[in-house]
Amino acid sequence: MMRTYLQLHWARWKRAPFLSLLLFCLPLFLLFGSFLGASQTTTDATVPIGWVDLDDSDFSKRVYTEVKKAERVTLVSLREEEAERAVQRGDVEAAFILKEGFATRLREGEINDVFTWLRSERSRLDVFVKEKIGEEMMRIALEEKAISVLNGYKVDATEREVSRWYNQYFEPEPLFQMEFSQVDRPYEDRSSAVQSSLIRSILVAYTLLYFLYLLRFFTLDKHKGRFMRISIMSRVPSYYGWNCAFFVVCGLLFYVVGDYIGQALGLIKGSSISHYITLVLLMLLFFIVLLIGRKRVAVLVVLAVSVGALFVGSLLLQYGMVSIP
């Protein structure tokens, strides 16, 4: 008997295969595409930093080039009169002004008051850019000193070779040494769990819509007289039972595919049996409401019992009397 119903659904699918695939794939594409786009935007976010070069020397240009290579940092070239306004408006998180004589004073060993650091109360990550600037200033200054010393000894090497040799030993240490230890990040885990639960809940909603679309075939069979012909050849309960089982399997397949794609993309963590249980119960509830038809009192009773069961179940979960992974 099941084979007959499968052949019937296969014939329906062949009439409009593109529509069936579109209904199956488009919601998943939109769901995961939107979450991936949001996460990618967050990942690619950079810190805008204003940059004013009043020295305009080869040394200051090298510092600019090296700092610009840093990840998550976007240097914005500004004029001196624009820098403060840009920080106040929030166009940049902070601004660094390299003063005239910047390179000369560094070569003479003077490191105080060689650049101006403009920031506001909202500035947070500009501290790391300041450390990066200090690191590059030190590295380039010591590199030039190494080249000068080696040239004094008449070493047969080009500046590029000396620079490559020097940079492999340059490892600046912070002023304050500290011991680092790995700690748990409960807030990050909680955020990941909330995102997983949100995506799974949306998947459940999409699956229910897909299941409702499949249930419409019962109505089509009645309108086209197919139900009457089937009821003559077989019993009505088997017609509803086999078709409902097929629709539930299709709905679960939709959810499983979506859950697998979400885990493969890193948007969903772990597994959740509770969503599967909720999904199956809701699909069966919709099917029962369809069978009841226009009997409003019976529909209200079924809905009231269902809501009450969900309420009692949530209370049991809340007080730890029942646990669902």
C-alpha atoms as a PDB file:
ATOM      1  CA  MET A   1       0.000   0.000   0.000  1.00  0.00           C
ATOM      2  CA  MET A   2       2.804   2.397   0.857  1.00  0.00           C
ATOM      3  CA  ARG A   3       4.277   1.825  -2.600  1.00  0.00           C
ATOM      4  CA  THR A   4       1.083   3.124  -4.199  1.00  0.00           C
ATOM      5  CA  TYR A   5       1.212   6.365  -2.225  1.00  0.00           C
ATOM      6  CA  LEU A   6       4.915   6.806  -2.989  1.00  0.00           C
ATOM      7  CA  GLN A   7       4.216   6.435  -6.697  1.00  0.00           C
ATOM      8  CA  LEU A   8       1.442   8.993  -6.372  1.00  0.00           C
ATOM      9  CA  HIS A   9       3.732  11.540  -4.697  1.00  0.00           C
ATOM     10  CA  TRP A  10       6.490  10.810  -7.219  1.00  0.00           C
ATOM     11  CA  ALA A  11       4.079  11.608 -10.048  1.00  0.00           C
ATOM     12  CA  ARG A  12       3.145  14.857  -8.306  1.00  0.00           C
ATOM     13  CA  TRP A  13       6.810  15.785  -7.914  1.00  0.00           C
ATOM     14  CA  LYS A  14       7.546  15.158 -11.599  1.00  0.00           C
ATOM     15  CA  ARG A  15       4.853  17.628 -12.617  1.00  0.00           C
ATOM     16  CA  ALA A  16       6.680  20.551 -10.957  1.00  0.00           C
ATOM     17  CA  PRO A  17      10.183  19.461  -9.878  1.00  0.00           C
ATOM     18  CA  PHE A  18      11.606  22.983  -9.931  1.00  0.00           C
ATOM     19  CA  LEU A  19       8.909  24.284  -7.569  1.00  0.00           C
ATOM     20  CA  SER A  20       9.482  21.386  -5.163  1.00  0.00           C
ATOM     21  CA  LEU A  21      13.245  21.956  -5.084  1.00  0.00           C
ATOM     22  CA  LEU A  22      12.720  25.696  -4.691  1.00  0.00           C
ATOM     23  CA  LEU A  23      10.424  25.205  -1.700  1.00  0.00           C
ATOM     24  CA  PHE A  24      12.977  22.844  -0.161  1.00  0.00           C
ATOM     25  CA  CYS A  25      16.191  24.799  -0.823  1.00  0.00           C
ATOM     26  CA  LEU A  26      15.238  28.486  -0.860  1.00  0.00           C
ATOM     27  CA  PRO A  27      14.336  28.817   2.861  1.00  0.00           C
ATOM     28  CA  LEU A  28      17.613  27.125   3.848  1.00  0.00           C
ATOM     29  CA  PHE A  29      19.589  29.363   1.502  1.00  0.00           C
ATOM     30  CA  LEU A  30      17.957  32.531   2.858  1.00  0.00           C
ATOM     31  CA  LEU A  31      18.329  31.462   6.491  1.00  0.00           C
ATOM     32  CA  PHE A  32      21.992  30.490   6.433  1.00  0.00           C
ATOM     33  CA  GLY A  33      22.893  33.195   3.923  1.00  0.00           C
ATOM     34  CA  SER A  34      21.578  35.897   6.255  1.00  0.00           C
ATOM     35  CA  PHE A  35      23.387  34.495   9.313  1.00  0.00           C
ATOM     36  CA  LEU A  36      26.624  34.000   7.379  1.00  0.00           C
ATOM     37  CA  GLY A  37      26.415  37.535   6.030  1.00  0.00           C
ATOM     38  CA  ALA A  38      25.906  38.939   9.525  1.00  0.00           C
ATOM     39  CA  SER A  39      28.771  36.923  11.030  1.00  0.00           C
ATOM     40  CA  GLN A  40      31.086  37.783   8.116  1.00  0.00           C
ATOM     41  CA  THR A  41      30.342  41.482   8.559  1.00  0.00           C
ATOM     42  CA  THR A  42      31.261  41.206  12.225  1.00  0.00           C
ATOM     43  CA  THR A  43      34.413  39.237  11.447  1.00  0.00           C
ATOM     44  CA  ASP A  44      35.583  41.671   8.785  1.00  0.00           C
ATOM     45  CA  ALA A  45      34.989  44.755  10.943  1.00  0.00           C
ATOM     46  CA  THR A  46      38.077  46.952  11.258  1.00  0.00           C
ATOM     47  CA  VAL A  47      39.097  49.832  13.497  1.00  0.00           C
ATOM     48  CA  PRO A  48      39.331  53.161  11.602  1.00  0.00           C
ATOM     49  CA  ILE A  49      42.330  55.217  12.734  1.00  0.00           C
ATOM     50  CA  GLY A  50      43.166  58.716  11.519  1.00  0.00           C
ATOM     51  CA  TRP A  51      46.739  59.292  10.318  1.00  0.00           C
ATOM     52  CA  VAL A  52      48.411  62.701   9.920  1.00  0.00           C
ATOM     53  CA  ASP A  53      52.002  62.743   8.632  1.00  0.00           C
ATOM     54  CA  LEU A  54      53.543  66.200   9.111  1.00  0.00           C
ATOM     55  CA  ASP A  55      57.080  64.839   8.796  1.00  0.00           C
ATOM     56  CA  ASP A  56      56.554  63.330   5.327  1.00  0.00           C
ATOM     57  CA  SER A  57      59.859  61.461   5.451  1.00  0.00           C
ATOM     58  CA  ASP A  58      60.822  58.028   4.185  1.00  0.00           C
ATOM     59  CA  PHE A  59      60.956  56.884   7.811  1.00  0.00           C
ATOM     60  CA  SER A  60      57.398  58.031   8.613  1.00  0.00           C
ATOM     61  CA  LYS A  61      56.117  56.522   5.362  1.00  0.00           C
ATOM     62  CA  ARG A  62      57.662  53.178   6.304  1.00  0.00           C
ATOM     63  CA  VAL A  63      55.949  53.325   9.697  1.00  0.00           C
ATOM     64  CA  TYR A  64      52.639  54.044   7.938  1.00  0.00           C
ATOM     65  CA  THR A  65      53.139  51.129   5.532  1.00  0.00           C
ATOM     66  CA  GLU A  66      53.941  48.643   8.300  1.00  0.00           C
ATOM     67  CA  VAL A  67      51.102  49.743  10.594  1.00  0.00           C
ATOM     68  CA  LYS A  68      48.685  49.531   7.673  1.00  0.00           C
ATOM     69  CA  LYS A  69      49.508  45.822   7.321  1.00  0.00           C
ATOM     70  CA  ALA A  70      48.083  45.105  10.775  1.00  0.00           C
ATOM     71  CA  GLU A  71      44.851  43.113  10.836  1.00  0.00           C
ATOM     72  CA  ARG A  72      41.608  44.853  11.826  1.00  0.00           C
ATOM     73  CA  VAL A  73      43.166  48.311  11.364  1.00  0.00           C
ATOM     74  CA  THR A  74      42.192  50.793   8.661  1.00  0.00           C
ATOM     75  CA  LEU A  75      44.355  53.909   8.431  1.00  0.00           C
ATOM     76  CA  VAL A  76      42.597  57.019   7.144  1.00  0.00           C
ATOM     77  CA  SER A  77      44.905  59.784   5.885  1.00  0.00           C
ATOM     78  CA  LEU A  78      43.772  63.168   7.204  1.00  0.00           C
ATOM     79  CA  ARG A  79      44.950  66.748   7.409  1.00  0.00           C
ATOM     80  CA  GLU A  80      45.879  68.109  10.825  1.00  0.00           C
ATOM     81  CA  GLU A  81      42.805  70.342  11.074  1.00  0.00           C
ATOM     82  CA  GLU A  82      40.521  67.417  10.170  1.00  0.00           C
ATOM     83  CA  ALA A  83      41.870  64.958  12.727  1.00  0.00           C
ATOM     84  CA  GLU A  84      40.245  66.369  15.862  1.00  0.00           C
ATOM     85  CA  ARG A  85      36.847  66.832  14.191  1.00  0.00           C
ATOM     86  CA  ALA A  86      36.946  63.270  12.828  1.00  0.00           C
ATOM     87  CA  VAL A  87      37.573  61.900  16.339  1.00  0.00           C
ATOM     88  CA  GLN A  88      34.804  64.043  17.842  1.00  0.00           C
ATOM     89  CA  ARG A  89      32.269  62.943  15.210  1.00  0.00           C
ATOM     90  CA  GLY A  90      33.251  59.298  15.610  1.00  0.00           C
ATOM     91  CA  ASP A  91      34.413  58.921  12.006  1.00  0.00           C
ATOM     92  CA  VAL A  92      37.639  57.424  13.385  1.00  0.00           C
ATOM     93  CA  GLU A  93      38.272  55.861  16.768  1.00  0.00           C
ATOM     94  CA  ALA A  94      41.451  57.866  17.274  1.00  0.00           C
ATOM     95  CA  ALA A  95      44.033  59.849  15.325  1.00  0.00           C
ATOM     96  CA  PHE A  96      47.834  59.919  15.392  1.00  0.00           C
ATOM     97  CA  ILE A  97      49.730  63.018  14.272  1.00  0.00           C
ATOM     98  CA  LEU A  98      53.410  62.482  13.415  1.00  0.00           C
ATOM     99  CA  LYS A  99      55.141  65.814  14.076  1.00  0.00           C
ATOM    100  CA  GLU A 100      57.755  67.510  11.930  1.00  0.00           C
ATOM    101  CA  GLY A 101      61.227  66.152  12.593  1.00  0.00           C
ATOM    102  CA  PHE A 102      59.745  62.791  13.607  1.00  0.00           C
ATOM    103  CA  ALA A 103      62.448  60.748  11.849  1.00  0.00           C
ATOM    104  CA  THR A 104      65.347  63.012  12.882  1.00  0.00           C
ATOM    105  CA  ARG A 105      64.437  62.998  16.564  1.00  0.00           C
ATOM    106  CA  LEU A 106      64.051  59.223  16.603  1.00  0.00           C
ATOM    107  CA  ARG A 107      67.469  58.753  14.990  1.00  0.00           C
ATOM    108  CA  GLU A 108      68.938  61.013  17.663  1.00  0.00           C
ATOM    109  CA  GLY A 109      67.460  58.769  20.341  1.00  0.00           C
ATOM    110  CA  GLU A 110      64.637  61.082  21.420  1.00  0.00           C
ATOM    111  CA  ILE A 111      61.407  59.158  21.878  1.00  0.00           C
ATOM    112  CA  ASN A 112      59.281  61.604  23.887  1.00  0.00           C
ATOM    113  CA  ASP A 113      56.666  63.810  22.255  1.00  0.00           C
ATOM    114  CA  VAL A 114      57.343  62.629  18.711  1.00  0.00           C
ATOM    115  CA  PHE A 115      53.663  62.206  17.824  1.00  0.00           C
ATOM    116  CA  THR A 116      50.268  63.361  19.128  1.00  0.00           C
ATOM    117  CA  TRP A 117      47.576  60.868  20.070  1.00  0.00           C
ATOM    118  CA  LEU A 118      43.996  62.153  19.785  1.00  0.00           C
ATOM    119  CA  ARG A 119      41.204  60.040  21.276  1.00  0.00           C
ATOM    120  CA  SER A 120      37.749  60.380  22.834  1.00  0.00           C
ATOM    121  CA  GLU A 121      35.854  58.740  25.683  1.00  0.00           C
ATOM    122  CA  ARG A 122      34.459  56.208  23.202  1.00  0.00           C
ATOM    123  CA  SER A 123      37.913  55.081  22.056  1.00  0.00           C
ATOM    124  CA  ARG A 124      38.792  51.535  23.059  1.00  0.00           C
ATOM    125  CA  LEU A 125      40.927  49.593  20.571  1.00  0.00           C
ATOM    126  CA  ASP A 126      43.226  52.469  19.612  1.00  0.00           C
ATOM    127  CA  VAL A 127      45.562  51.438  22.447  1.00  0.00           C
ATOM    128  CA  PHE A 128      46.652  48.436  20.405  1.00  0.00           C
ATOM    129  CA  VAL A 129      47.341  50.655  17.395  1.00  0.00           C
ATOM    130  CA  LYS A 130      49.533  52.865  19.589  1.00  0.00           C
ATOM    131  CA  GLU A 131      51.548  49.809  20.635  1.00  0.00           C
ATOM    132  CA  LYS A 132      51.871  48.770  16.995  1.00  0.00           C
ATOM    133  CA  ILE A 133      53.190  52.226  16.060  1.00  0.00           C
ATOM    134  CA  GLY A 134      55.729  52.077  18.891  1.00  0.00           C
ATOM    135  CA  GLU A 135      56.855  48.627  17.789  1.00  0.00           C
ATOM    136  CA  GLU A 136      57.385  49.705  14.184  1.00  0.00           C
ATOM    137  CA  MET A 137      59.175  52.889  15.253  1.00  0.00           C
ATOM    138  CA  MET A 138      61.596  50.841  17.340  1.00  0.00           C
ATOM    139  CA  ARG A 139      62.101  48.185  14.688  1.00  0.00           C
ATOM    140  CA  ILE A 140      62.791  50.586  11.826  1.00  0.00           C
ATOM    141  CA  ALA A 141      65.056  52.808  13.942  1.00  0.00           C
ATOM    142  CA  LEU A 142      67.138  49.844  15.150  1.00  0.00           C
ATOM    143  CA  GLU A 143      67.213  48.412  11.648  1.00  0.00           C
ATOM    144  CA  GLU A 144      68.688  51.646  10.293  1.00  0.00           C
ATOM    145  CA  LYS A 145      71.185  51.655  13.154  1.00  0.00           C
ATOM    146  CA  ALA A 146      72.211  48.084  12.319  1.00  0.00           C
ATOM    147  CA  ILE A 147      72.710  49.009   8.661  1.00  0.00           C
ATOM    148  CA  SER A 148      74.806  52.024   9.668  1.00  0.00           C
ATOM    149  CA  VAL A 149      77.012  49.944  11.991  1.00  0.00           C
ATOM    150  CA  LEU A 150      77.559  47.206   9.412  1.00  0.00           C
ATOM    151  CA  ASN A 151      78.401  49.779   6.772  1.00  0.00           C
ATOM    152  CA  GLY A 152      81.009  51.189   9.151  1.00  0.00           C
ATOM    153  CA  TYR A 153      82.626  47.772   9.307  1.00  0.00           C
ATOM    154  CA  LYS A 154      82.410  47.579   5.511  1.00  0.00           C
ATOM    155  CA  VAL A 155      80.382  44.367   5.530  1.00  0.00           C
ATOM    156  CA  ASP A 156      79.679  43.149   2.006  1.00  0.00           C
ATOM    157  CA  ALA A 157      75.864  43.036   2.181  1.00  0.00           C
ATOM    158  CA  THR A 158      72.984  45.002   0.713  1.00  0.00           C
ATOM    159  CA  GLU A 159      70.517  46.915   2.880  1.00  0.00           C
ATOM    160  CA  ARG A 160      67.793  44.387   2.060  1.00  0.00           C
ATOM    161  CA  GLU A 161      69.978  41.485   3.225  1.00  0.00           C
ATOM    162  CA  VAL A 162      70.851  43.348   6.423  1.00  0.00           C
ATOM    163  CA  SER A 163      67.177  44.142   6.980  1.00  0.00           C
ATOM    164  CA  ARG A 164      66.186  40.490   6.495  1.00  0.00           C
ATOM    165  CA  TRP A 165      68.942  39.351   8.861  1.00  0.00           C
ATOM    166  CA  TYR A 166      67.980  41.888  11.509  1.00  0.00           C
ATOM    167  CA  ASN A 167      64.211  41.270  11.396  1.00  0.00           C
ATOM    168  CA  GLN A 168      64.580  37.580  12.181  1.00  0.00           C
ATOM    169  CA  TYR A 169      65.990  38.522  15.606  1.00  0.00           C
ATOM    170  CA  PHE A 170      63.663  41.434  16.342  1.00  0.00           C
ATOM    171  CA  GLU A 171      61.192  40.347  18.986  1.00  0.00           C
ATOM    172  CA  PRO A 172      60.233  43.372  21.100  1.00  0.00           C
ATOM    173  CA  GLU A 173      59.115  42.478  24.611  1.00  0.00           C
ATOM    174  CA  PRO A 174      56.445  44.430  26.480  1.00  0.00           C
ATOM    175  CA  LEU A 175      57.493  46.747  29.299  1.00  0.00           C
ATOM    176  CA  PHE A 176      55.586  44.664  31.832  1.00  0.00           C
ATOM    177  CA  GLN A 177      56.037  40.897  31.844  1.00  0.00           C
ATOM    178  CA  MET A 178      53.054  38.806  32.896  1.00  0.00           C
ATOM    179  CA  GLU A 179      51.916  35.216  32.980  1.00  0.00           C
ATOM    180  CA  PHE A 180      48.945  34.270  30.808  1.00  0.00           C
ATOM    181  CA  SER A 181      46.538  31.461  31.606  1.00  0.00           C
ATOM    182  CA  GLN A 182      43.603  30.135  29.594  1.00  0.00           C
ATOM    183  CA  VAL A 183      40.193  30.691  31.157  1.00  0.00           C
ATOM    184  CA  ASP A 184      36.718  29.630  30.149  1.00  0.00           C
ATOM    185  CA  ARG A 185      34.545  32.075  28.235  1.00  0.00           C
ATOM    186  CA  PRO A 186      30.983  31.414  29.454  1.00  0.00           C
ATOM    187  CA  TYR A 187      29.548  34.474  27.727  1.00  0.00           C
ATOM    188  CA  GLU A 188      30.861  33.336  24.336  1.00  0.00           C
ATOM    189  CA  ASP A 189      29.495  29.829  24.929  1.00  0.00           C
ATOM    190  CA  ARG A 190      26.163  31.309  25.983  1.00  0.00           C
ATOM    191  CA  SER A 191      26.035  33.495  22.871  1.00  0.00           C
ATOM    192  CA  SER A 192      26.800  30.479  20.675  1.00  0.00           C
ATOM    193  CA  ALA A 193      24.078  28.457  22.412  1.00  0.00           C
ATOM    194  CA  VAL A 194      21.546  31.270  21.908  1.00  0.00           C
ATOM    195  CA  GLN A 195      22.421  31.498  18.204  1.00  0.00           C
ATOM    196  CA  SER A 196      22.110  27.723  17.785  1.00  0.00           C
ATOM    197  CA  SER A 197      18.740  27.703  19.541  1.00  0.00           C
ATOM    198  CA  LEU A 198      17.531  30.641  17.434  1.00  0.00           C
ATOM    199  CA  ILE A 199      18.516  29.022  14.133  1.00  0.00           C
ATOM    200  CA  ARG A 200      16.967  25.704  15.153  1.00  0.00           C
ATOM    201  CA  SER A 201      13.737  27.463  16.147  1.00  0.00           C
ATOM    202  CA  ILE A 202      13.602  29.183  12.747  1.00  0.00           C
ATOM    203  CA  LEU A 203      14.247  25.805  11.126  1.00  0.00           C
ATOM    204  CA  VAL A 204      11.314  24.350  13.063  1.00  0.00           C
ATOM    205  CA  ALA A 205       9.092  27.190  11.813  1.00  0.00           C
ATOM    206  CA  TYR A 206      10.223  26.661   8.206  1.00  0.00           C
ATOM    207  CA  THR A 207       9.675  22.910   8.544  1.00  0.00           C
ATOM    208  CA  LEU A 208       6.135  23.438   9.810  1.00  0.00           C
ATOM    209  CA  LEU A 209       5.376  25.696   6.843  1.00  0.00           C
ATOM    210  CA  TYR A 210       6.776  23.030   4.534  1.00  0.00           C
ATOM    211  CA  PHE A 211       4.639  20.408   6.308  1.00  0.00           C
ATOM    212  CA  LEU A 212       1.534  22.581   5.890  1.00  0.00           C
ATOM    213  CA  TYR A 213       2.311  22.850   2.186  1.00  0.00           C
ATOM    214  CA  LEU A 214       2.366  19.043   1.985  1.00  0.00           C
ATOM    215  CA  LEU A 215      -0.905  18.722   3.911  1.00  0.00           C
ATOM    216  CA  ARG A 216      -2.668  20.653   1.183  1.00  0.00           C
ATOM    217  CA  PHE A 217      -2.525  17.493  -0.947  1.00  0.00           C
ATOM    218  CA  PHE A 218      -5.304  16.040   1.225  1.00  0.00           C
ATOM    219  CA  THR A 219      -7.567  18.900   0.168  1.00  0.00           C
ATOM    220  CA  LEU A 220      -6.521  18.570  -3.480  1.00  0.00           C
ATOM    221  CA  ASP A 221      -7.330  14.851  -3.433  1.00  0.00           C
ATOM    222  CA  LYS A 222     -10.843  15.597  -2.183  1.00  0.00           C
ATOM    223  CA  HIS A 223     -11.499  18.345  -4.717  1.00  0.00           C
ATOM    224  CA  LYS A 224     -10.278  16.251  -7.656  1.00  0.00           C
ATOM    225  CA  GLY A 225     -12.147  13.119  -6.604  1.00  0.00           C
ATOM    226  CA  ARG A 226      -8.954  11.174  -6.009  1.00  0.00           C
ATOM    227  CA  PHE A 227      -9.847  10.610  -2.356  1.00  0.00           C
ATOM    228  CA  MET A 228     -13.148   9.023  -3.358  1.00  0.00           C
ATOM    229  CA  ARG A 229     -11.429   6.576  -5.714  1.00  0.00           C
ATOM    230  CA  ILE A 230      -8.757   5.719  -3.133  1.00  0.00           C
ATOM    231  CA  SER A 231     -11.359   5.177  -0.391  1.00  0.00           C
ATOM    232  CA  ILE A 232     -13.088   2.591  -2.594  1.00  0.00           C
ATOM    233  CA  MET A 233      -9.881   0.597  -3.108  1.00  0.00           C
ATOM    234  CA  SER A 234      -8.494   0.907   0.423  1.00  0.00           C
ATOM    235  CA  ARG A 235      -9.480   1.883   3.894  1.00  0.00           C
ATOM    236  CA  VAL A 236      -9.521   5.587   4.752  1.00  0.00           C
ATOM    237  CA  PRO A 237      -7.358   5.264   7.905  1.00  0.00           C
ATOM    238  CA  SER A 238      -4.534   3.727   5.894  1.00  0.00           C
ATOM    239  CA  TYR A 239      -4.781   6.588   3.379  1.00  0.00           C
ATOM    240  CA  TYR A 240      -4.378   9.202   6.092  1.00  0.00           C
ATOM    241  CA  GLY A 241      -1.841   7.177   8.058  1.00  0.00           C
ATOM    242  CA  TRP A 242       0.570   6.431   5.202  1.00  0.00           C
ATOM    243  CA  ASN A 243       0.357   9.952   3.805  1.00  0.00           C
ATOM    244  CA  CYS A 244       0.883  11.526   7.213  1.00  0.00           C
ATOM    245  CA  ALA A 245       3.914   9.289   7.808  1.00  0.00           C
ATOM    246  CA  PHE A 246       5.329  10.316   4.425  1.00  0.00           C
ATOM    247  CA  PHE A 247       4.788  14.023   5.125  1.00  0.00           C
ATOM    248  CA  VAL A 248       6.367  13.748   8.591  1.00  0.00           C
ATOM    249  CA  VAL A 249       9.422  12.016   7.095  1.00  0.00           C
ATOM    250  CA  CYS A 250       9.711  14.793   4.471  1.00  0.00           C
ATOM    251  CA  GLY A 251       9.482  17.424   7.203  1.00  0.00           C
ATOM    252  CA  LEU A 252      12.121  15.688   9.317  1.00  0.00           C
ATOM    253  CA  LEU A 253      14.352  15.357   6.253  1.00  0.00           C
ATOM    254  CA  PHE A 254      14.041  19.106   5.662  1.00  0.00           C
ATOM    255  CA  TYR A 255      14.995  19.818   9.286  1.00  0.00           C
ATOM    256  CA  VAL A 256      17.875  17.302   9.325  1.00  0.00           C
ATOM    257  CA  VAL A 257      19.361  18.760   6.126  1.00  0.00           C
ATOM    258  CA  GLY A 258      19.100  22.278   7.550  1.00  0.00           C
ATOM    259  CA  ASP A 259      20.647  21.230  10.868  1.00  0.00           C
ATOM    260  CA  TYR A 260      23.514  19.461   9.073  1.00  0.00           C
ATOM    261  CA  ILE A 261      24.228  22.489   6.871  1.00  0.00           C
ATOM    262  CA  GLY A 262      24.164  24.766   9.912  1.00  0.00           C
ATOM    263  CA  GLN A 263      26.672  22.594  11.772  1.00  0.00           C
ATOM    264  CA  ALA A 264      28.892  22.317   8.671  1.00  0.00           C
ATOM    265  CA  LEU A 265      28.963  26.126   8.400  1.00  0.00           C
ATOM    266  CA  GLY A 266      29.716  26.498  12.109  1.00  0.00           C
ATOM    267  CA  LEU A 267      26.464  28.357  12.823  1.00  0.00           C
ATOM    268  CA  ILE A 268      24.953  25.586  14.967  1.00  0.00           C
ATOM    269  CA  LYS A 269      26.715  23.874  17.860  1.00  0.00           C
ATOM    270  CA  GLY A 270      25.861  20.575  19.506  1.00  0.00           C
ATOM    271  CA  SER A 271      22.692  18.547  19.119  1.00  0.00           C
ATOM    272  CA  SER A 272      19.172  19.106  20.410  1.00  0.00           C
ATOM    273  CA  ILE A 273      16.647  16.286  20.697  1.00  0.00           C
ATOM    274  CA  SER A 274      14.069  18.695  22.132  1.00  0.00           C
ATOM    275  CA  HIS A 275      13.649  20.425  18.762  1.00  0.00           C
ATOM    276  CA  TYR A 276      12.989  17.083  17.059  1.00  0.00           C
ATOM    277  CA  ILE A 277      10.394  16.158  19.684  1.00  0.00           C
ATOM    278  CA  THR A 278       8.726  19.573  19.428  1.00  0.00           C
ATOM    279  CA  LEU A 279       8.713  19.374  15.644  1.00  0.00           C
ATOM    280  CA  VAL A 280       7.096  15.922  15.488  1.00  0.00           C
ATOM    281  CA  LEU A 281       4.463  16.860  18.082  1.00  0.00           C
ATOM    282  CA  LEU A 282       3.550  20.047  16.230  1.00  0.00           C
ATOM    283  CA  MET A 283       3.309  18.241  12.890  1.00  0.00           C
ATOM    284  CA  LEU A 284       1.015  15.639  14.422  1.00  0.00           C
ATOM    285  CA  LEU A 285      -1.025  18.432  16.007  1.00  0.00           C
ATOM    286  CA  PHE A 286      -1.499  20.144  12.639  1.00  0.00           C
ATOM    287  CA  PHE A 287      -2.492  16.817  11.112  1.00  0.00           C
ATOM    288  CA  ILE A 288      -5.088  16.199  13.848  1.00  0.00           C
ATOM    289  CA  VAL A 289      -6.538  19.682  13.359  1.00  0.00           C
ATOM    290  CA  LEU A 290      -6.796  18.927   9.625  1.00  0.00           C
ATOM    291  CA  LEU A 291      -8.670  15.682  10.317  1.00  0.00           C
ATOM    292  CA  ILE A 292     -11.097  17.405  12.679  1.00  0.00           C
ATOM    293  CA  GLY A 293     -11.937  19.879   9.948  1.00  0.00           C
ATOM    294  CA  ARG A 294     -14.672  22.381  10.716  1.00  0.00           C
ATOM    295  CA  LYS A 295     -15.601  21.040  14.132  1.00  0.00           C
ATOM    296  CA  ARG A 296     -14.646  24.185  16.004  1.00  0.00           C
ATOM    297  CA  VAL A 297     -15.250  22.841  19.495  1.00  0.00           C
ATOM    298  CA  ALA A 298     -12.997  19.856  18.859  1.00  0.00           C
ATOM    299  CA  VAL A 299     -10.316  22.117  17.411  1.00  0.00           C
ATOM    300  CA  LEU A 300     -10.416  24.330  20.497  1.00  0.00           C
ATOM    301  CA  VAL A 301     -10.173  21.292  22.764  1.00  0.00           C
ATOM    302  CA  VAL A 302      -7.154  19.960  20.889  1.00  0.00           C
ATOM    303  CA  LEU A 303      -5.432  23.346  20.958  1.00  0.00           C
ATOM    304  CA  ALA A 304      -6.180  23.807  24.670  1.00  0.00           C
ATOM    305  CA  VAL A 305      -4.800  20.367  25.518  1.00  0.00           C
ATOM    306  CA  SER A 306      -1.703  21.018  23.405  1.00  0.00           C
ATOM    307  CA  VAL A 307      -1.001  24.402  24.977  1.00  0.00           C
ATOM    308  CA  GLY A 308      -1.549  22.938  28.428  1.00  0.00           C
ATOM    309  CA  ALA A 309       0.843  20.076  27.700  1.00  0.00           C
ATOM    310  CA  LEU A 310       3.501  22.496  26.470  1.00  0.00           C
ATOM    311  CA  PHE A 311       3.014  24.675  29.572  1.00  0.00           C
ATOM    312  CA  VAL A 312       3.319  21.717  31.939  1.00  0.00           C
ATOM    313  CA  GLY A 313       6.368  20.478  30.041  1.00  0.00           C
ATOM    314  CA  SER A 314       8.069  23.866  30.299  1.00  0.00           C
ATOM    315  CA  LEU A 315       7.421  23.939  34.058  1.00  0.00           C
ATOM    316  CA  LEU A 316       8.899  20.463  34.466  1.00  0.00           C
ATOM    317  CA  LEU A 317      11.982  21.523  32.512  1.00  0.00           C
ATOM    318  CA  GLN A 318      12.308  24.755  34.469  1.00  0.00           C
ATOM    319  CA  TYR A 319      12.275  23.030  37.853  1.00  0.00           C
ATOM    320  CA  GLY A 320      14.577  20.235  36.705  1.00  0.00           C
ATOM    321  CA  MET A 321      12.032  17.446  37.062  1.00  0.00           C
ATOM    322  CA  VAL A 322      12.611  16.439  33.427  1.00  0.00           C
ATOM    323  CA  SER A 323      15.798  16.863  31.403  1.00  0.00           C
ATOM    324  CA  ILE A 324      16.022  16.941  27.616  1.00  0.00           C
ATOM    325  CA  PRO A 325      19.411  17.285  25.907  1.00  0.00           C
END
